[in-house]
Amino acid sequence: MSRALIVAGVLLLAIPGAALAQSKGKGVRLWNLTSATITGFELSPVGKNEWGPNQTLNDKDKEVDHDERLRITGVEPGRYDAKVSYGGSKQCFVRDIEIKADAVFSVSDKDLKDCNR
C-alpha cells in the first residue's frame, strides 16, 4: 500500500511541471504571405498611431521573406494596426489585425492598404 502512495505522490508532483511546460507556447508569430520581403513591421493599438518597435529586428537577418514566420515580442493579445515596410521605401498599412496569445496571424497582399513609395 505504501508503494501505491509513493507512486501517487510522484505523479502529483509531476502534473504541475507538465502543465507548466504545456502553457509555454510558441508565442505570437507573423506569417508573411505577401509577395515581397518585409523589412519593417510595427504595431499600434487600432486607430492610435502609436507605433511600437520594428519587429523585424527579432529575425536573424532582420527581414521576413515570403512564407517566413516572425516571432512578435512585447505585444499583448488584442486588435492592432500594422505599418509594413519593404525595400525601396514602399510602406503600407494593415488595419485591425486580431492578435491572439500563442497564435500565428498572417498578412497577405490583399490586406495591404494606403501604400506609398
PDB file of N, CA and C in Angstrom:
ATOM      1  N   MET A   1       0.813  -1.192   0.000  1.00  0.00           N
ATOM      2  CA  MET A   1       0.000   0.000   0.000  1.00  0.00           C
ATOM      3  C   MET A   1       0.862   1.263   0.000  1.00  0.00           C
ATOM      4  N   SER A   2       1.970   1.272   0.729  1.00  0.00           N
ATOM      5  CA  SER A   2       2.819   2.459   0.772  1.00  0.00           C
ATOM      6  C   SER A   2       3.464   2.713  -0.596  1.00  0.00           C
ATOM      7  N   ARG A   3       3.724   1.649  -1.334  1.00  0.00           N
ATOM      8  CA  ARG A   3       4.296   1.823  -2.676  1.00  0.00           C
ATOM      9  C   ARG A   3       3.310   2.583  -3.573  1.00  0.00           C
ATOM     10  N   ALA A   4       2.031   2.284  -3.467  1.00  0.00           N
ATOM     11  CA  ALA A   4       0.999   2.976  -4.247  1.00  0.00           C
ATOM     12  C   ALA A   4       0.944   4.454  -3.870  1.00  0.00           C
ATOM     13  N   LEU A   5       1.128   4.760  -2.576  1.00  0.00           N
ATOM     14  CA  LEU A   5       1.126   6.152  -2.144  1.00  0.00           C
ATOM     15  C   LEU A   5       2.330   6.904  -2.708  1.00  0.00           C
ATOM     16  N   ILE A   6       3.455   6.260  -2.744  1.00  0.00           N
ATOM     17  CA  ILE A   6       4.661   6.892  -3.300  1.00  0.00           C
ATOM     18  C   ILE A   6       4.460   7.190  -4.781  1.00  0.00           C
ATOM     19  N   VAL A   7       3.932   6.224  -5.521  1.00  0.00           N
ATOM     20  CA  VAL A   7       3.688   6.421  -6.953  1.00  0.00           C
ATOM     21  C   VAL A   7       2.694   7.564  -7.158  1.00  0.00           C
ATOM     22  N   ALA A   8       1.630   7.587  -6.345  1.00  0.00           N
ATOM     23  CA  ALA A   8       0.637   8.646  -6.455  1.00  0.00           C
ATOM     24  C   ALA A   8       1.257  10.008  -6.152  1.00  0.00           C
ATOM     25  N   GLY A   9       2.104  10.061  -5.141  1.00  0.00           N
ATOM     26  CA  GLY A   9       2.770  11.308  -4.780  1.00  0.00           C
ATOM     27  C   GLY A   9       3.684  11.805  -5.890  1.00  0.00           C
ATOM     28  N   VAL A  10       4.437  10.896  -6.503  1.00  0.00           N
ATOM     29  CA  VAL A  10       5.320  11.268  -7.609  1.00  0.00           C
ATOM     30  C   VAL A  10       4.501  11.804  -8.789  1.00  0.00           C
ATOM     31  N   LEU A  11       3.386  11.152  -9.078  1.00  0.00           N
ATOM     32  CA  LEU A  11       2.529  11.607 -10.173  1.00  0.00           C
ATOM     33  C   LEU A  11       1.960  12.992  -9.901  1.00  0.00           C
ATOM     34  N   LEU A  12       1.546  13.239  -8.672  1.00  0.00           N
ATOM     35  CA  LEU A  12       1.007  14.549  -8.320  1.00  0.00           C
ATOM     36  C   LEU A  12       2.058  15.643  -8.431  1.00  0.00           C
ATOM     37  N   LEU A  13       3.291  15.317  -8.099  1.00  0.00           N
ATOM     38  CA  LEU A  13       4.369  16.293  -8.228  1.00  0.00           C
ATOM     39  C   LEU A  13       4.703  16.563  -9.688  1.00  0.00           C
ATOM     40  N   ALA A  14       4.539  15.579 -10.553  1.00  0.00           N
ATOM     41  CA  ALA A  14       4.867  15.730 -11.964  1.00  0.00           C
ATOM     42  C   ALA A  14       3.818  16.535 -12.725  1.00  0.00           C
ATOM     43  N   ILE A  15       2.583  16.506 -12.284  1.00  0.00           N
ATOM     44  CA  ILE A  15       1.497  17.174 -13.008  1.00  0.00           C
ATOM     45  C   ILE A  15       1.725  18.684 -13.151  1.00  0.00           C
ATOM     46  N   PRO A  16       2.074  19.430 -12.086  1.00  0.00           N
ATOM     47  CA  PRO A  16       2.284  20.871 -12.280  1.00  0.00           C
ATOM     48  C   PRO A  16       3.402  21.173 -13.282  1.00  0.00           C
ATOM     49  N   GLY A  17       4.456  20.394 -13.290  1.00  0.00           N
ATOM     50  CA  GLY A  17       5.545  20.603 -14.251  1.00  0.00           C
ATOM     51  C   GLY A  17       5.086  20.374 -15.673  1.00  0.00           C
ATOM     52  N   ALA A  18       4.286  19.352 -15.890  1.00  0.00           N
ATOM     53  CA  ALA A  18       3.757  19.073 -17.225  1.00  0.00           C
ATOM     54  C   ALA A  18       2.810  20.182 -17.663  1.00  0.00           C
ATOM     55  N   ALA A  19       1.986  20.654 -16.753  1.00  0.00           N
ATOM     56  CA  ALA A  19       1.048  21.732 -17.088  1.00  0.00           C
ATOM     57  C   ALA A  19       1.810  23.011 -17.418  1.00  0.00           C
ATOM     58  N   LEU A  20       2.872  23.295 -16.674  1.00  0.00           N
ATOM     59  CA  LEU A  20       3.679  24.476 -16.938  1.00  0.00           C
ATOM     60  C   LEU A  20       4.349  24.372 -18.299  1.00  0.00           C
ATOM     61  N   ALA A  21       4.867  23.211 -18.638  1.00  0.00           N
ATOM     62  CA  ALA A  21       5.510  23.016 -19.935  1.00  0.00           C
ATOM     63  C   ALA A  21       4.513  23.220 -21.064  1.00  0.00           C
ATOM     64  N   GLN A  22       3.288  22.776 -20.890  1.00  0.00           N
ATOM     65  CA  GLN A  22       2.281  22.934 -21.928  1.00  0.00           C
ATOM     66  C   GLN A  22       1.838  24.389 -22.047  1.00  0.00           C
ATOM     67  N   SER A  23       1.896  25.159 -20.968  1.00  0.00           N
ATOM     68  CA  SER A  23       1.447  26.545 -21.023  1.00  0.00           C
ATOM     69  C   SER A  23       2.446  27.444 -21.741  1.00  0.00           C
ATOM     70  N   LYS A  24       3.677  26.984 -21.906  1.00  0.00           N
ATOM     71  CA  LYS A  24       4.674  27.748 -22.638  1.00  0.00           C
ATOM     72  C   LYS A  24       4.497  27.462 -24.120  1.00  0.00           C
ATOM     73  N   GLY A  25       3.780  28.355 -24.808  1.00  0.00           N
ATOM     74  CA  GLY A  25       3.523  28.172 -26.224  1.00  0.00           C
ATOM     75  C   GLY A  25       4.657  28.722 -27.058  1.00  0.00           C
ATOM     76  N   LYS A  26       4.401  28.799 -28.336  1.00  0.00           N
ATOM     77  CA  LYS A  26       5.408  29.307 -29.268  1.00  0.00           C
ATOM     78  C   LYS A  26       5.393  30.820 -29.361  1.00  0.00           C
ATOM     79  N   GLY A  27       4.454  31.462 -28.685  1.00  0.00           N
ATOM     80  CA  GLY A  27       4.366  32.910 -28.745  1.00  0.00           C
ATOM     81  C   GLY A  27       3.595  33.366 -29.976  1.00  0.00           C
ATOM     82  N   VAL A  28       3.469  34.663 -30.113  1.00  0.00           N
ATOM     83  CA  VAL A  28       2.767  35.255 -31.245  1.00  0.00           C
ATOM     84  C   VAL A  28       3.726  35.309 -32.431  1.00  0.00           C
ATOM     85  N   ARG A  29       3.224  34.923 -33.605  1.00  0.00           N
ATOM     86  CA  ARG A  29       4.060  34.917 -34.802  1.00  0.00           C
ATOM     87  C   ARG A  29       3.305  35.516 -35.988  1.00  0.00           C
ATOM     88  N   LEU A  30       4.029  36.286 -36.798  1.00  0.00           N
ATOM     89  CA  LEU A  30       3.530  36.827 -38.063  1.00  0.00           C
ATOM     90  C   LEU A  30       3.949  35.870 -39.170  1.00  0.00           C
ATOM     91  N   TRP A  31       3.023  35.556 -40.065  1.00  0.00           N
ATOM     92  CA  TRP A  31       3.320  34.739 -41.238  1.00  0.00           C
ATOM     93  C   TRP A  31       3.222  35.665 -42.442  1.00  0.00           C
ATOM     94  N   ASN A  32       4.346  35.906 -43.101  1.00  0.00           N
ATOM     95  CA  ASN A  32       4.382  36.805 -44.255  1.00  0.00           C
ATOM     96  C   ASN A  32       3.886  36.079 -45.499  1.00  0.00           C
ATOM     97  N   LEU A  33       2.658  36.371 -45.885  1.00  0.00           N
ATOM     98  CA  LEU A  33       2.097  35.805 -47.114  1.00  0.00           C
ATOM     99  C   LEU A  33       2.027  36.856 -48.218  1.00  0.00           C
ATOM    100  N   THR A  34       2.720  37.998 -48.012  1.00  0.00           N
ATOM    101  CA  THR A  34       2.796  38.981 -49.086  1.00  0.00           C
ATOM    102  C   THR A  34       3.792  38.468 -50.122  1.00  0.00           C
ATOM    103  N   SER A  35       3.794  39.099 -51.282  1.00  0.00           N
ATOM    104  CA  SER A  35       4.655  38.638 -52.371  1.00  0.00           C
ATOM    105  C   SER A  35       6.084  39.175 -52.278  1.00  0.00           C
ATOM    106  N   ALA A  36       6.392  39.916 -51.221  1.00  0.00           N
ATOM    107  CA  ALA A  36       7.721  40.516 -51.087  1.00  0.00           C
ATOM    108  C   ALA A  36       8.282  40.315 -49.680  1.00  0.00           C
ATOM    109  N   THR A  37       9.552  40.633 -49.535  1.00  0.00           N
ATOM    110  CA  THR A  37      10.231  40.544 -48.244  1.00  0.00           C
ATOM    111  C   THR A  37       9.921  41.787 -47.417  1.00  0.00           C
ATOM    112  N   ILE A  38       9.465  41.577 -46.194  1.00  0.00           N
ATOM    113  CA  ILE A  38       9.149  42.676 -45.277  1.00  0.00           C
ATOM    114  C   ILE A  38      10.430  43.102 -44.564  1.00  0.00           C
ATOM    115  N   THR A  39      10.712  44.412 -44.595  1.00  0.00           N
ATOM    116  CA  THR A  39      11.912  44.937 -43.927  1.00  0.00           C
ATOM    117  C   THR A  39      11.582  45.716 -42.659  1.00  0.00           C
ATOM    118  N   GLY A  40      10.290  45.996 -42.442  1.00  0.00           N
ATOM    119  CA  GLY A  40       9.850  46.686 -41.231  1.00  0.00           C
ATOM    120  C   GLY A  40       8.426  46.280 -40.898  1.00  0.00           C
ATOM    121  N   PHE A  41       8.174  46.022 -39.618  1.00  0.00           N
ATOM    122  CA  PHE A  41       6.825  45.647 -39.179  1.00  0.00           C
ATOM    123  C   PHE A  41       6.612  46.222 -37.795  1.00  0.00           C
ATOM    124  N   GLU A  42       5.733  47.242 -37.709  1.00  0.00           N
ATOM    125  CA  GLU A  42       5.450  47.920 -36.444  1.00  0.00           C
ATOM    126  C   GLU A  42       3.961  47.819 -36.149  1.00  0.00           C
ATOM    127  N   LEU A  43       3.623  47.703 -34.880  1.00  0.00           N
ATOM    128  CA  LEU A  43       2.226  47.577 -34.458  1.00  0.00           C
ATOM    129  C   LEU A  43       1.809  48.757 -33.588  1.00  0.00           C
ATOM    130  N   SER A  44       0.527  49.115 -33.701  1.00  0.00           N
ATOM    131  CA  SER A  44      -0.073  50.161 -32.878  1.00  0.00           C
ATOM    132  C   SER A  44      -1.474  49.704 -32.506  1.00  0.00           C
ATOM    133  N   PRO A  45      -1.928  50.000 -31.283  1.00  0.00           N
ATOM    134  CA  PRO A  45      -3.340  49.725 -30.984  1.00  0.00           C
ATOM    135  C   PRO A  45      -4.203  50.391 -32.066  1.00  0.00           C
ATOM    136  N   VAL A  46      -5.290  49.744 -32.444  1.00  0.00           N
ATOM    137  CA  VAL A  46      -6.139  50.228 -33.541  1.00  0.00           C
ATOM    138  C   VAL A  46      -6.458  51.713 -33.400  1.00  0.00           C
ATOM    139  N   GLY A  47      -6.178  52.475 -34.464  1.00  0.00           N
ATOM    140  CA  GLY A  47      -6.520  53.892 -34.535  1.00  0.00           C
ATOM    141  C   GLY A  47      -5.656  54.838 -33.725  1.00  0.00           C
ATOM    142  N   LYS A  48      -4.630  54.351 -33.043  1.00  0.00           N
ATOM    143  CA  LYS A  48      -3.843  55.204 -32.143  1.00  0.00           C
ATOM    144  C   LYS A  48      -2.610  55.844 -32.793  1.00  0.00           C
ATOM    145  N   ASN A  49      -2.058  55.244 -33.838  1.00  0.00           N
ATOM    146  CA  ASN A  49      -0.811  55.724 -34.460  1.00  0.00           C
ATOM    147  C   ASN A  49       0.318  55.868 -33.437  1.00  0.00           C
ATOM    148  N   GLU A  50       0.396  54.929 -32.515  1.00  0.00           N
ATOM    149  CA  GLU A  50       1.469  54.870 -31.507  1.00  0.00           C
ATOM    150  C   GLU A  50       2.291  53.623 -31.801  1.00  0.00           C
ATOM    151  N   TRP A  51       3.191  53.745 -32.755  1.00  0.00           N
ATOM    152  CA  TRP A  51       3.904  52.586 -33.293  1.00  0.00           C
ATOM    153  C   TRP A  51       4.967  52.064 -32.336  1.00  0.00           C
ATOM    154  N   GLY A  52       4.962  50.755 -32.174  1.00  0.00           N
ATOM    155  CA  GLY A  52       5.954  50.085 -31.344  1.00  0.00           C
ATOM    156  C   GLY A  52       7.235  49.840 -32.133  1.00  0.00           C
ATOM    157  N   PRO A  53       8.135  49.074 -31.561  1.00  0.00           N
ATOM    158  CA  PRO A  53       9.425  48.816 -32.198  1.00  0.00           C
ATOM    159  C   PRO A  53       9.278  47.986 -33.480  1.00  0.00           C
ATOM    160  N   ASN A  54      10.292  48.085 -34.314  1.00  0.00           N
ATOM    161  CA  ASN A  54      10.344  47.307 -35.549  1.00  0.00           C
ATOM    162  C   ASN A  54      10.558  45.834 -35.200  1.00  0.00           C
ATOM    163  N   GLN A  55       9.530  45.034 -35.395  1.00  0.00           N
ATOM    164  CA  GLN A  55       9.582  43.623 -35.017  1.00  0.00           C
ATOM    165  C   GLN A  55      10.521  42.797 -35.909  1.00  0.00           C
ATOM    166  N   THR A  56      10.842  43.296 -37.102  1.00  0.00           N
ATOM    167  CA  THR A  56      11.746  42.516 -37.964  1.00  0.00           C
ATOM    168  C   THR A  56      13.140  42.401 -37.349  1.00  0.00           C
ATOM    169  N   LEU A  57      13.443  43.256 -36.395  1.00  0.00           N
ATOM    170  CA  LEU A  57      14.740  43.156 -35.708  1.00  0.00           C
ATOM    171  C   LEU A  57      14.831  41.881 -34.874  1.00  0.00           C
ATOM    172  N   ASN A  58      13.691  41.195 -34.654  1.00  0.00           N
ATOM    173  CA  ASN A  58      13.679  39.916 -33.935  1.00  0.00           C
ATOM    174  C   ASN A  58      14.170  38.766 -34.810  1.00  0.00           C
ATOM    175  N   ASP A  59      14.299  38.996 -36.104  1.00  0.00           N
ATOM    176  CA  ASP A  59      14.710  37.952 -37.043  1.00  0.00           C
ATOM    177  C   ASP A  59      16.224  37.976 -37.217  1.00  0.00           C
ATOM    178  N   LYS A  60      16.807  36.810 -37.454  1.00  0.00           N
ATOM    179  CA  LYS A  60      18.274  36.732 -37.553  1.00  0.00           C
ATOM    180  C   LYS A  60      18.834  37.574 -38.692  1.00  0.00           C
ATOM    181  N   ASP A  61      18.101  37.692 -39.826  1.00  0.00           N
ATOM    182  CA  ASP A  61      18.598  38.528 -40.921  1.00  0.00           C
ATOM    183  C   ASP A  61      17.858  39.869 -41.018  1.00  0.00           C
ATOM    184  N   LYS A  62      17.051  40.178 -40.013  1.00  0.00           N
ATOM    185  CA  LYS A  62      16.373  41.472 -39.859  1.00  0.00           C
ATOM    186  C   LYS A  62      15.342  41.761 -40.947  1.00  0.00           C
ATOM    187  N   GLU A  63      14.840  40.715 -41.605  1.00  0.00           N
ATOM    188  CA  GLU A  63      13.766  40.855 -42.575  1.00  0.00           C
ATOM    189  C   GLU A  63      12.986  39.553 -42.631  1.00  0.00           C
ATOM    190  N   VAL A  64      11.773  39.630 -43.206  1.00  0.00           N
ATOM    191  CA  VAL A  64      10.883  38.474 -43.220  1.00  0.00           C
ATOM    192  C   VAL A  64      10.532  38.156 -44.672  1.00  0.00           C
ATOM    193  N   ASP A  65      11.093  37.070 -45.171  1.00  0.00           N
ATOM    194  CA  ASP A  65      10.850  36.656 -46.548  1.00  0.00           C
ATOM    195  C   ASP A  65       9.428  36.154 -46.721  1.00  0.00           C
ATOM    196  N   HIS A  66       8.981  36.074 -47.983  1.00  0.00           N
ATOM    197  CA  HIS A  66       7.685  35.477 -48.289  1.00  0.00           C
ATOM    198  C   HIS A  66       7.626  34.074 -47.680  1.00  0.00           C
ATOM    199  N   ASP A  67       6.521  33.740 -47.050  1.00  0.00           N
ATOM    200  CA  ASP A  67       6.255  32.436 -46.429  1.00  0.00           C
ATOM    201  C   ASP A  67       7.113  32.163 -45.195  1.00  0.00           C
ATOM    202  N   GLU A  68       7.744  33.185 -44.652  1.00  0.00           N
ATOM    203  CA  GLU A  68       8.520  33.039 -43.417  1.00  0.00           C
ATOM    204  C   GLU A  68       7.685  33.532 -42.250  1.00  0.00           C
ATOM    205  N   ARG A  69       7.938  32.976 -41.080  1.00  0.00           N
ATOM    206  CA  ARG A  69       7.269  33.418 -39.858  1.00  0.00           C
ATOM    207  C   ARG A  69       8.240  34.215 -38.998  1.00  0.00           C
ATOM    208  N   LEU A  70       7.687  35.191 -38.282  1.00  0.00           N
ATOM    209  CA  LEU A  70       8.479  36.077 -37.432  1.00  0.00           C
ATOM    210  C   LEU A  70       7.878  36.098 -36.043  1.00  0.00           C
ATOM    211  N   ARG A  71       8.695  35.889 -35.026  1.00  0.00           N
ATOM    212  CA  ARG A  71       8.228  35.995 -33.635  1.00  0.00           C
ATOM    213  C   ARG A  71       7.987  37.460 -33.308  1.00  0.00           C
ATOM    214  N   ILE A  72       6.796  37.734 -32.759  1.00  0.00           N
ATOM    215  CA  ILE A  72       6.409  39.082 -32.347  1.00  0.00           C
ATOM    216  C   ILE A  72       6.561  39.148 -30.825  1.00  0.00           C
ATOM    217  N   THR A  73       7.274  40.156 -30.340  1.00  0.00           N
ATOM    218  CA  THR A  73       7.530  40.255 -28.907  1.00  0.00           C
ATOM    219  C   THR A  73       6.960  41.554 -28.338  1.00  0.00           C
ATOM    220  N   GLY A  74       6.667  41.534 -27.036  1.00  0.00           N
ATOM    221  CA  GLY A  74       6.227  42.728 -26.327  1.00  0.00           C
ATOM    222  C   GLY A  74       4.833  43.211 -26.696  1.00  0.00           C
ATOM    223  N   VAL A  75       4.002  42.310 -27.220  1.00  0.00           N
ATOM    224  CA  VAL A  75       2.660  42.685 -27.659  1.00  0.00           C
ATOM    225  C   VAL A  75       1.642  41.792 -26.963  1.00  0.00           C
ATOM    226  N   GLU A  76       0.664  42.415 -26.346  1.00  0.00           N
ATOM    227  CA  GLU A  76      -0.408  41.673 -25.686  1.00  0.00           C
ATOM    228  C   GLU A  76      -1.487  41.310 -26.708  1.00  0.00           C
ATOM    229  N   PRO A  77      -2.231  40.238 -26.470  1.00  0.00           N
ATOM    230  CA  PRO A  77      -3.351  39.924 -27.365  1.00  0.00           C
ATOM    231  C   PRO A  77      -4.309  41.114 -27.465  1.00  0.00           C
ATOM    232  N   GLY A  78      -4.841  41.318 -28.653  1.00  0.00           N
ATOM    233  CA  GLY A  78      -5.758  42.433 -28.882  1.00  0.00           C
ATOM    234  C   GLY A  78      -5.851  42.736 -30.361  1.00  0.00           C
ATOM    235  N   ARG A  79      -6.337  43.933 -30.674  1.00  0.00           N
ATOM    236  CA  ARG A  79      -6.503  44.359 -32.065  1.00  0.00           C
ATOM    237  C   ARG A  79      -5.502  45.483 -32.354  1.00  0.00           C
ATOM    238  N   TYR A  80      -4.824  45.357 -33.501  1.00  0.00           N
ATOM    239  CA  TYR A  80      -3.746  46.278 -33.845  1.00  0.00           C
ATOM    240  C   TYR A  80      -3.807  46.680 -35.311  1.00  0.00           C
ATOM    241  N   ASP A  81      -3.234  47.861 -35.600  1.00  0.00           N
ATOM    242  CA  ASP A  81      -2.900  48.261 -36.956  1.00  0.00           C
ATOM    243  C   ASP A  81      -1.424  47.960 -37.126  1.00  0.00           C
ATOM    244  N   ALA A  82      -1.026  47.677 -38.359  1.00  0.00           N
ATOM    245  CA  ALA A  82       0.381  47.389 -38.634  1.00  0.00           C
ATOM    246  C   ALA A  82       0.900  48.311 -39.730  1.00  0.00           C
ATOM    247  N   LYS A  83       2.138  48.755 -39.546  1.00  0.00           N
ATOM    248  CA  LYS A  83       2.859  49.501 -40.575  1.00  0.00           C
ATOM    249  C   LYS A  83       3.874  48.511 -41.149  1.00  0.00           C
ATOM    250  N   VAL A  84       3.748  48.233 -42.446  1.00  0.00           N
ATOM    251  CA  VAL A  84       4.578  47.228 -43.114  1.00  0.00           C
ATOM    252  C   VAL A  84       5.482  47.939 -44.112  1.00  0.00           C
ATOM    253  N   SER A  85       6.792  47.729 -43.987  1.00  0.00           N
ATOM    254  CA  SER A  85       7.756  48.367 -44.880  1.00  0.00           C
ATOM    255  C   SER A  85       8.456  47.328 -45.736  1.00  0.00           C
ATOM    256  N   TYR A  86       8.793  47.778 -46.936  1.00  0.00           N
ATOM    257  CA  TYR A  86       9.502  46.923 -47.900  1.00  0.00           C
ATOM    258  C   TYR A  86      10.729  47.671 -48.395  1.00  0.00           C
ATOM    259  N   GLY A  87      11.680  46.951 -48.985  1.00  0.00           N
ATOM    260  CA  GLY A  87      12.850  47.589 -49.577  1.00  0.00           C
ATOM    261  C   GLY A  87      12.416  48.596 -50.629  1.00  0.00           C
ATOM    262  N   GLY A  88      13.206  49.638 -50.839  1.00  0.00           N
ATOM    263  CA  GLY A  88      12.853  50.657 -51.816  1.00  0.00           C
ATOM    264  C   GLY A  88      11.878  51.670 -51.257  1.00  0.00           C
ATOM    265  N   SER A  89      11.711  51.761 -49.980  1.00  0.00           N
ATOM    266  CA  SER A  89      10.898  52.720 -49.228  1.00  0.00           C
ATOM    267  C   SER A  89       9.388  52.564 -49.403  1.00  0.00           C
ATOM    268  N   LYS A  90       8.915  51.454 -49.967  1.00  0.00           N
ATOM    269  CA  LYS A  90       7.468  51.214 -50.020  1.00  0.00           C
ATOM    270  C   LYS A  90       6.975  50.918 -48.607  1.00  0.00           C
ATOM    271  N   GLN A  91       5.843  51.534 -48.256  1.00  0.00           N
ATOM    272  CA  GLN A  91       5.253  51.317 -46.936  1.00  0.00           C
ATOM    273  C   GLN A  91       3.739  51.204 -47.093  1.00  0.00           C
ATOM    274  N   CYS A  92       3.153  50.232 -46.391  1.00  0.00           N
ATOM    275  CA  CYS A  92       1.706  50.004 -46.433  1.00  0.00           C
ATOM    276  C   CYS A  92       1.196  49.828 -45.006  1.00  0.00           C
ATOM    277  N   PHE A  93      -0.120  49.877 -44.874  1.00  0.00           N
ATOM    278  CA  PHE A  93      -0.753  49.657 -43.589  1.00  0.00           C
ATOM    279  C   PHE A  93      -1.706  48.472 -43.681  1.00  0.00           C
ATOM    280  N   VAL A  94      -1.839  47.768 -42.578  1.00  0.00           N
ATOM    281  CA  VAL A  94      -2.840  46.711 -42.430  1.00  0.00           C
ATOM    282  C   VAL A  94      -3.650  47.117 -41.207  1.00  0.00           C
ATOM    283  N   ARG A  95      -4.951  47.212 -41.375  1.00  0.00           N
ATOM    284  CA  ARG A  95      -5.810  47.712 -40.305  1.00  0.00           C
ATOM    285  C   ARG A  95      -6.522  46.581 -39.568  1.00  0.00           C
ATOM    286  N   ASP A  96      -6.632  46.745 -38.264  1.00  0.00           N
ATOM    287  CA  ASP A  96      -7.479  45.901 -37.415  1.00  0.00           C
ATOM    288  C   ASP A  96      -7.119  44.411 -37.462  1.00  0.00           C
ATOM    289  N   ILE A  97      -5.869  44.118 -37.170  1.00  0.00           N
ATOM    290  CA  ILE A  97      -5.407  42.731 -37.071  1.00  0.00           C
ATOM    291  C   ILE A  97      -5.749  42.210 -35.684  1.00  0.00           C
ATOM    292  N   GLU A  98      -6.309  41.014 -35.608  1.00  0.00           N
ATOM    293  CA  GLU A  98      -6.550  40.394 -34.302  1.00  0.00           C
ATOM    294  C   GLU A  98      -5.350  39.525 -33.958  1.00  0.00           C
ATOM    295  N   ILE A  99      -4.732  39.818 -32.806  1.00  0.00           N
ATOM    296  CA  ILE A  99      -3.596  39.042 -32.328  1.00  0.00           C
ATOM    297  C   ILE A  99      -4.038  38.266 -31.102  1.00  0.00           C
ATOM    298  N   LYS A 100      -3.867  36.954 -31.185  1.00  0.00           N
ATOM    299  CA  LYS A 100      -4.229  36.056 -30.087  1.00  0.00           C
ATOM    300  C   LYS A 100      -2.963  35.482 -29.470  1.00  0.00           C
ATOM    301  N   ALA A 101      -3.022  35.146 -28.196  1.00  0.00           N
ATOM    302  CA  ALA A 101      -1.870  34.575 -27.487  1.00  0.00           C
ATOM    303  C   ALA A 101      -1.436  33.273 -28.153  1.00  0.00           C
ATOM    304  N   ASP A 102      -0.139  33.100 -28.299  1.00  0.00           N
ATOM    305  CA  ASP A 102       0.455  31.863 -28.840  1.00  0.00           C
ATOM    306  C   ASP A 102      -0.165  31.440 -30.164  1.00  0.00           C
ATOM    307  N   ALA A 103      -0.449  32.408 -31.029  1.00  0.00           N
ATOM    308  CA  ALA A 103      -1.075  32.098 -32.311  1.00  0.00           C
ATOM    309  C   ALA A 103      -0.321  32.776 -33.453  1.00  0.00           C
ATOM    310  N   VAL A 104      -0.534  32.251 -34.639  1.00  0.00           N
ATOM    311  CA  VAL A 104       0.029  32.825 -35.854  1.00  0.00           C
ATOM    312  C   VAL A 104      -1.041  33.694 -36.505  1.00  0.00           C
ATOM    313  N   PHE A 105      -0.664  34.890 -36.926  1.00  0.00           N
ATOM    314  CA  PHE A 105      -1.543  35.713 -37.756  1.00  0.00           C
ATOM    315  C   PHE A 105      -0.791  35.988 -39.050  1.00  0.00           C
ATOM    316  N   SER A 106      -1.520  36.169 -40.130  1.00  0.00           N
ATOM    317  CA  SER A 106      -0.859  36.357 -41.422  1.00  0.00           C
ATOM    318  C   SER A 106      -1.205  37.710 -42.018  1.00  0.00           C
ATOM    319  N   VAL A 107      -0.320  38.160 -42.899  1.00  0.00           N
ATOM    320  CA  VAL A 107      -0.538  39.356 -43.693  1.00  0.00           C
ATOM    321  C   VAL A 107      -0.280  38.956 -45.137  1.00  0.00           C
ATOM    322  N   SER A 108      -1.262  39.265 -46.018  1.00  0.00           N
ATOM    323  CA  SER A 108      -1.106  38.960 -47.437  1.00  0.00           C
ATOM    324  C   SER A 108      -1.294  40.239 -48.250  1.00  0.00           C
ATOM    325  N   ASP A 109      -1.022  40.172 -49.540  1.00  0.00           N
ATOM    326  CA  ASP A 109      -1.113  41.358 -50.395  1.00  0.00           C
ATOM    327  C   ASP A 109      -2.484  42.010 -50.320  1.00  0.00           C
ATOM    328  N   LYS A 110      -3.550  41.219 -50.235  1.00  0.00           N
ATOM    329  CA  LYS A 110      -4.908  41.783 -50.209  1.00  0.00           C
ATOM    330  C   LYS A 110      -5.185  42.581 -48.932  1.00  0.00           C
ATOM    331  N   ASP A 111      -4.389  42.367 -47.882  1.00  0.00           N
ATOM    332  CA  ASP A 111      -4.568  43.095 -46.616  1.00  0.00           C
ATOM    333  C   ASP A 111      -3.931  44.476 -46.635  1.00  0.00           C
ATOM    334  N   LEU A 112      -2.995  44.709 -47.553  1.00  0.00           N
ATOM    335  CA  LEU A 112      -2.224  45.949 -47.578  1.00  0.00           C
ATOM    336  C   LEU A 112      -3.074  47.108 -48.079  1.00  0.00           C
ATOM    337  N   LYS A 113      -3.075  48.214 -47.329  1.00  0.00           N
ATOM    338  CA  LYS A 113      -3.852  49.416 -47.661  1.00  0.00           C
ATOM    339  C   LYS A 113      -2.952  50.648 -47.612  1.00  0.00           C
ATOM    340  N   ASP A 114      -3.390  51.697 -48.281  1.00  0.00           N
ATOM    341  CA  ASP A 114      -2.702  53.001 -48.210  1.00  0.00           C
ATOM    342  C   ASP A 114      -1.191  52.897 -48.450  1.00  0.00           C
ATOM    343  N   CYS A 115      -0.817  52.201 -49.512  1.00  0.00           N
ATOM    344  CA  CYS A 115       0.610  52.025 -49.811  1.00  0.00           C
ATOM    345  C   CYS A 115       1.170  53.293 -50.467  1.00  0.00           C
ATOM    346  N   ASN A 116       2.419  53.572 -50.134  1.00  0.00           N
ATOM    347  CA  ASN A 116       3.120  54.708 -50.761  1.00  0.00           C
ATOM    348  C   ASN A 116       4.569  54.332 -51.021  1.00  0.00           C
ATOM    349  N   ARG A 117       5.220  55.113 -51.783  1.00  0.00           N
ATOM    350  CA  ARG A 117       6.646  54.867 -52.082  1.00  0.00           C
ATOM    351  C   ARG A 117       7.469  56.039 -51.647  1.00  0.00           C
TER     352      ARG A 117
END
